[in-house]
Protein backbone atom coordinates (compact mmCIF):
# COMPACT_ATOMS: atom_id res chain seq x y z
CA MET A 1 -14.64 21.77 -11.34
CA ARG A 2 -13.77 19.42 -8.27
CA LEU A 3 -13.14 16.77 -10.00
CA PHE A 4 -10.36 18.04 -11.42
CA LYS A 5 -8.70 20.43 -8.30
CA ASP A 6 -9.33 17.15 -6.88
CA LEU A 7 -6.98 15.11 -9.80
CA TYR A 8 -4.44 18.13 -9.75
CA GLN A 9 -4.11 17.80 -5.81
CA TYR A 10 -3.71 13.55 -6.10
CA ARG A 11 -1.57 14.08 -9.44
CA GLU A 12 1.24 11.62 -8.43
CA LEU A 13 -1.32 8.98 -7.36
CA LEU A 14 -3.48 9.26 -10.65
CA LYS A 15 0.21 9.50 -12.34
CA THR A 16 1.33 5.85 -10.13
CA ASN A 17 -1.82 4.02 -10.65
CA VAL A 18 -1.57 4.79 -14.67
CA LYS A 19 2.17 3.46 -14.08
CA LYS A 20 0.55 0.35 -12.56
CA GLU A 21 -2.05 -0.30 -14.53
CA ILE A 22 0.39 -0.82 -17.97
CA ARG A 23 3.36 -2.37 -16.00
CA GLY A 24 0.78 -4.63 -14.18
CA LYS A 25 -1.03 -5.47 -17.11
CA TYR A 26 1.90 -7.73 -18.37
CA LYS A 27 3.74 -8.67 -14.86
CA GLY A 28 5.38 -11.53 -14.99
CA SER A 29 5.03 -11.74 -19.25
CA PHE A 30 8.72 -12.24 -21.24
CA LEU A 31 7.77 -10.19 -23.96
CA GLY A 32 6.30 -7.73 -21.06
CA VAL A 33 4.77 -4.86 -22.98
CA LEU A 34 5.87 -5.56 -26.54
CA TRP A 35 2.44 -7.68 -25.90
CA SER A 36 0.98 -4.27 -26.88
CA PHE A 37 2.05 -5.06 -30.94
CA ILE A 38 1.28 -8.54 -30.48
CA ASN A 39 -2.05 -9.04 -29.05
CA PRO A 40 -3.53 -7.01 -32.93
CA LEU A 41 -0.85 -8.52 -34.75
CA LEU A 42 -2.26 -12.45 -34.17
CA GLN A 43 -5.89 -11.06 -33.94
CA VAL A 44 -5.14 -9.53 -37.62
CA LEU A 45 -3.34 -12.32 -38.84
CA VAL A 46 -6.73 -14.70 -37.93
CA TYR A 47 -9.22 -12.53 -39.11
CA ALA A 48 -7.26 -11.57 -42.43
CA ILE A 49 -7.17 -15.23 -43.03
CA VAL A 50 -10.17 -16.64 -41.86
CA PHE A 51 -12.76 -13.59 -43.10
CA PRO A 52 -12.17 -13.22 -46.24
CA PHE A 53 -13.51 -17.30 -46.95
CA ILE A 54 -16.96 -16.17 -45.26
CA MET A 55 -17.26 -13.02 -47.29
CA ARG A 56 -17.18 -12.72 -50.71
CA SER A 57 -15.33 -10.06 -50.92
CA SER A 58 -13.44 -7.52 -48.21
CA PRO A 59 -11.76 -4.04 -48.39
CA ASP A 60 -8.69 -3.23 -51.03
CA HIS A 61 -5.66 -3.62 -48.18
CA PHE A 62 -7.56 -5.68 -46.09
CA ILE A 63 -4.83 -5.97 -43.29
CA VAL A 64 -4.11 -1.93 -43.09
CA TYR A 65 -8.05 -2.38 -43.28
CA LEU A 66 -8.53 -4.91 -40.28
CA VAL A 67 -5.39 -2.91 -38.68
CA ILE A 68 -6.66 0.63 -38.16
CA GLY A 69 -9.98 -1.57 -36.90
CA ILE A 70 -8.88 -4.00 -34.38
CA ILE A 71 -6.16 -1.20 -32.99
CA PRO A 72 -8.79 1.18 -31.18
CA TRP A 73 -11.26 -1.96 -31.34
CA ASN A 74 -8.51 -3.11 -28.39
CA PHE A 75 -8.57 0.13 -26.47
CA PHE A 76 -12.33 0.10 -25.71
CA ILE A 77 -12.50 -2.96 -25.10
CA THR A 78 -9.21 -3.48 -22.90
CA CYS A 79 -10.65 -0.10 -20.74
CA MET A 80 -13.67 -1.56 -20.66
CA ASN A 81 -13.01 -4.94 -19.28
CA GLN A 82 -10.44 -3.70 -16.52
CA GLY A 83 -12.54 -0.97 -15.64
CA MET A 84 -15.73 -2.55 -14.65
CA ILE A 85 -13.55 -4.83 -11.69
CA THR A 86 -11.01 -1.83 -10.93
CA VAL A 87 -13.20 -0.40 -7.75
CA ARG A 88 -13.76 -3.75 -6.49
CA MET A 89 -10.32 -5.11 -7.11
CA ASN A 90 -9.26 -2.14 -5.10
CA ALA A 91 -11.58 -3.01 -2.26
CA GLY A 92 -8.98 -2.78 0.83
CA ILE A 93 -7.29 0.83 -0.16
CA ILE A 94 -10.90 1.80 -0.39
CA LYS A 95 -12.01 0.49 2.40
CA LYS A 96 -8.53 1.94 4.31
CA VAL A 97 -7.77 5.73 2.55
CA TYR A 98 -9.32 8.33 1.31
CA PHE A 99 -8.69 9.53 -1.93
CA PRO A 100 -11.11 10.61 -5.21
CA ARG A 101 -12.45 7.26 -5.92
CA GLU A 102 -12.16 8.35 -9.85
CA ILE A 103 -8.42 7.65 -9.86
CA LEU A 104 -9.74 4.24 -10.71
CA PRO A 105 -11.11 4.14 -13.13
CA LEU A 106 -9.53 7.00 -14.73
CA SER A 107 -6.29 4.97 -14.20
CA VAL A 108 -7.55 2.21 -16.20
CA THR A 109 -8.60 4.52 -19.49
CA LEU A 110 -5.39 6.46 -19.23
CA SER A 111 -3.23 3.78 -19.43
CA GLY A 112 -4.74 2.32 -22.28
CA LEU A 113 -4.85 5.13 -24.14
CA VAL A 114 -1.06 5.66 -23.66
CA ASN A 115 -1.23 1.95 -24.86
CA PHE A 116 -2.73 3.28 -27.90
CA PHE A 117 -1.03 5.45 -28.30
CA ILE A 118 1.97 2.84 -28.86
CA SER A 119 0.26 0.74 -30.87
CA CYS A 120 -0.35 3.43 -33.38
CA ILE A 121 3.32 2.48 -34.55
CA VAL A 122 1.82 -0.10 -35.67
CA ILE A 123 -0.74 1.07 -37.82
CA ILE A 124 1.90 3.76 -39.12
CA LEU A 125 3.52 0.38 -40.23
CA PHE A 126 1.21 -1.49 -42.38
CA CYS A 127 0.70 1.91 -43.59
CA ILE A 128 3.72 2.97 -44.66
CA PHE A 129 4.65 -0.45 -45.99
CA GLY A 130 0.71 -2.39 -46.90
CA GLY A 131 0.12 -0.07 -49.73
CA VAL A 132 -2.05 2.85 -49.07
CA GLY A 133 0.62 5.14 -49.49
CA PRO A 134 2.69 7.63 -47.33
CA LEU A 135 1.00 8.75 -43.76
CA SER A 136 -0.50 12.81 -44.23
CA TRP A 137 -1.23 15.65 -42.69
CA HIS A 138 -4.26 14.29 -41.41
CA VAL A 139 -2.88 11.84 -38.97
CA ILE A 140 -2.23 14.85 -36.41
CA LEU A 141 -5.63 15.16 -35.53
CA VAL A 142 -5.37 11.00 -34.69
CA PRO A 143 -4.96 11.86 -31.06
CA ILE A 144 -7.35 14.47 -30.86
CA PHE A 145 -10.03 11.29 -31.71
CA ALA A 146 -8.17 9.25 -29.57
CA PHE A 147 -9.16 11.85 -26.93
CA VAL A 148 -13.04 11.87 -27.53
CA GLN A 149 -12.33 7.57 -27.40
CA PHE A 150 -10.78 7.98 -24.02
CA LEU A 151 -13.86 10.62 -22.86
CA PHE A 152 -16.58 7.82 -24.31
CA THR A 153 -14.58 4.92 -22.71
CA SER A 154 -14.27 7.20 -19.08
CA GLY A 155 -18.14 7.59 -19.36
CA LEU A 156 -19.30 4.05 -19.92
CA VAL A 157 -16.24 2.65 -17.50
CA PHE A 158 -17.19 5.56 -14.54
CA ALA A 159 -21.21 4.07 -15.29
CA PHE A 160 -20.14 0.16 -14.83
CA SER A 161 -17.64 0.34 -12.59
CA ALA A 162 -19.83 1.53 -9.52
CA ILE A 163 -23.12 -0.46 -10.72
CA ASN A 164 -20.87 -3.96 -10.90
CA ILE A 165 -20.39 -2.09 -7.23
CA TYR A 166 -23.64 -3.17 -6.11
CA ILE A 167 -25.29 -5.61 -8.91
CA LYS A 168 -22.55 -8.01 -9.12
CA ASP A 169 -23.37 -9.42 -12.57
CA THR A 170 -23.12 -5.86 -14.38
CA GLU A 171 -19.09 -7.00 -15.66
CA TYR A 172 -20.45 -10.72 -17.29
CA ILE A 173 -23.93 -8.47 -18.40
CA ILE A 174 -22.28 -5.51 -20.30
CA GLN A 175 -19.01 -8.54 -21.79
CA PHE A 176 -21.50 -9.77 -23.76
CA PHE A 177 -22.52 -7.47 -25.09
CA ILE A 178 -19.86 -6.19 -25.66
CA ASN A 179 -19.18 -9.14 -27.82
CA LEU A 180 -22.00 -8.46 -30.09
CA LEU A 181 -21.27 -4.72 -30.47
CA PHE A 182 -18.26 -6.04 -31.95
CA TYR A 183 -19.40 -7.47 -34.41
CA ALA A 184 -22.29 -4.23 -35.49
CA THR A 185 -18.97 -1.79 -35.21
CA PRO A 186 -17.36 -2.18 -39.60
CA ILE A 187 -13.34 -3.87 -38.09
CA LEU A 188 -14.06 -7.22 -40.45
CA TYR A 189 -16.57 -5.38 -43.32
CA GLU A 190 -17.23 -2.36 -44.99
CA ALA A 191 -20.74 -0.82 -43.80
CA THR A 192 -21.84 -0.20 -47.52
CA LEU A 193 -22.23 -4.54 -47.02
CA LEU A 194 -25.34 -3.73 -45.07
CA PRO A 195 -28.65 -2.88 -47.38
CA GLU A 196 -29.38 1.02 -47.60
CA ARG A 197 -32.38 1.00 -45.43
CA ILE A 198 -30.45 -0.82 -42.67
CA ARG A 199 -27.18 0.30 -42.52
CA TRP A 200 -28.44 3.62 -40.08
CA VAL A 201 -28.43 1.57 -37.62
CA LEU A 202 -24.61 0.47 -37.95
CA TYR A 203 -24.08 4.73 -37.81
CA LEU A 204 -26.29 4.61 -34.01
CA ASN A 205 -22.69 3.25 -32.70
CA PRO A 206 -20.43 5.85 -31.88
CA LEU A 207 -17.63 3.09 -32.16
CA THR A 208 -18.50 2.93 -36.01
CA HIS A 209 -17.93 6.49 -36.28
CA LEU A 210 -14.69 6.62 -34.26
CA ILE A 211 -12.89 3.73 -36.49
CA GLU A 212 -14.26 5.18 -39.98
CA THR A 213 -12.72 8.29 -38.74
CA TYR A 214 -9.09 6.66 -37.85
CA ARG A 215 -9.57 4.71 -41.33
CA ASP A 216 -10.34 8.28 -42.87
CA LEU A 217 -7.12 9.90 -41.41
CA PHE A 218 -4.69 7.37 -41.19
CA MET A 219 -5.71 4.99 -44.78
CA TYR A 220 -7.31 7.66 -46.69
CA HIS A 221 -6.02 10.49 -45.87
CA THR A 222 -9.64 12.28 -45.69
CA LEU A 223 -11.14 14.16 -43.21
CA PRO A 224 -13.91 12.64 -41.30
CA SER A 225 -16.99 14.25 -42.17
CA LEU A 226 -18.63 16.90 -40.01
CA THR A 227 -22.11 14.96 -39.49
CA SER A 228 -19.97 12.32 -38.21
CA VAL A 229 -17.62 14.25 -35.87
CA GLY A 230 -20.46 16.51 -34.44
CA TYR A 231 -22.57 13.33 -34.51
CA LEU A 232 -19.80 11.26 -31.86
CA ILE A 233 -18.24 14.48 -30.22
CA PHE A 234 -22.35 14.76 -28.97
CA ILE A 235 -22.84 11.41 -27.84
CA THR A 236 -19.70 11.38 -25.96
CA LEU A 237 -19.97 14.23 -23.54
CA ILE A 238 -24.06 12.70 -22.92
CA VAL A 239 -22.18 9.47 -22.14
CA LEU A 240 -19.14 11.25 -20.15
CA PHE A 241 -21.49 13.36 -18.07
CA ILE A 242 -24.69 10.53 -17.84
CA GLY A 243 -21.40 7.92 -16.28
CA TYR A 244 -20.12 10.32 -14.39
CA ALA A 245 -23.10 11.63 -12.91
CA ILE A 246 -24.12 7.75 -11.78
CA PHE A 247 -20.07 7.19 -10.18
CA LYS A 248 -20.67 9.73 -8.05
CA LYS A 249 -24.22 8.98 -7.06
CA LEU A 250 -22.95 5.89 -6.32
CA GLU A 251 -19.42 6.17 -4.62
CA LYS A 252 -20.57 6.67 -1.51
CA GLY A 253 -21.55 3.01 -0.50
CA PHE A 254 -18.31 1.70 -1.97
CA ALA A 255 -17.09 1.19 1.55
CA GLU A 256 -19.49 -0.50 2.55
CA GLU A 257 -20.99 -2.64 -0.50
CA VAL A 258 -16.77 -3.59 -1.94
């Protein structure tokens, strides 16, 4: 409850920081926020050209399939990369002014959530014109799962932004594992390509459930399985609780360590 009280009391600072994160990402760029659309489209273009030559088969409506996988992944990886360094990058203000330190990682993940919702326009356009048929009522559930992704990512950012203050190599180690995680998430391929006896390993990854849920809602016009949703929410709550606990435990030394 203390967290919500502090965030409400410092809501203007949180709002300002979120705006700064959104504007600062493309500050000085000619195209500005349009890069939120261009970046995933360029990635889709590369994978759509190269990947079918590597794999013997690709999913139906492969470009739409890619778009729905890459945009949520970009939401995750952008928040992780920016979030892990946000406390260190704000060392000056941490040493001078008191404010709830949680505002720093939350500003990053909230700005990522806003950018994700903007990028959903790309997903919708590809679904409409990509041959998967008109959108169904299932898309109204997308904000719920986007919020779950926000909470899951916030938990990780809480933990690693704090640890990175004390162990400077944290960001590089985590970036390495994130690169591996990309290939352990069915973004470029279908999970059914893996033999059934080892497919369960993919489903230990919460991002597998998230991305398949987005595909269910946008592309296949169906509801995700209750088992998948239950597992996703369970893991998200654990990650959020542990990540926030780590952040609160370590924040006392931020001013001395940054």
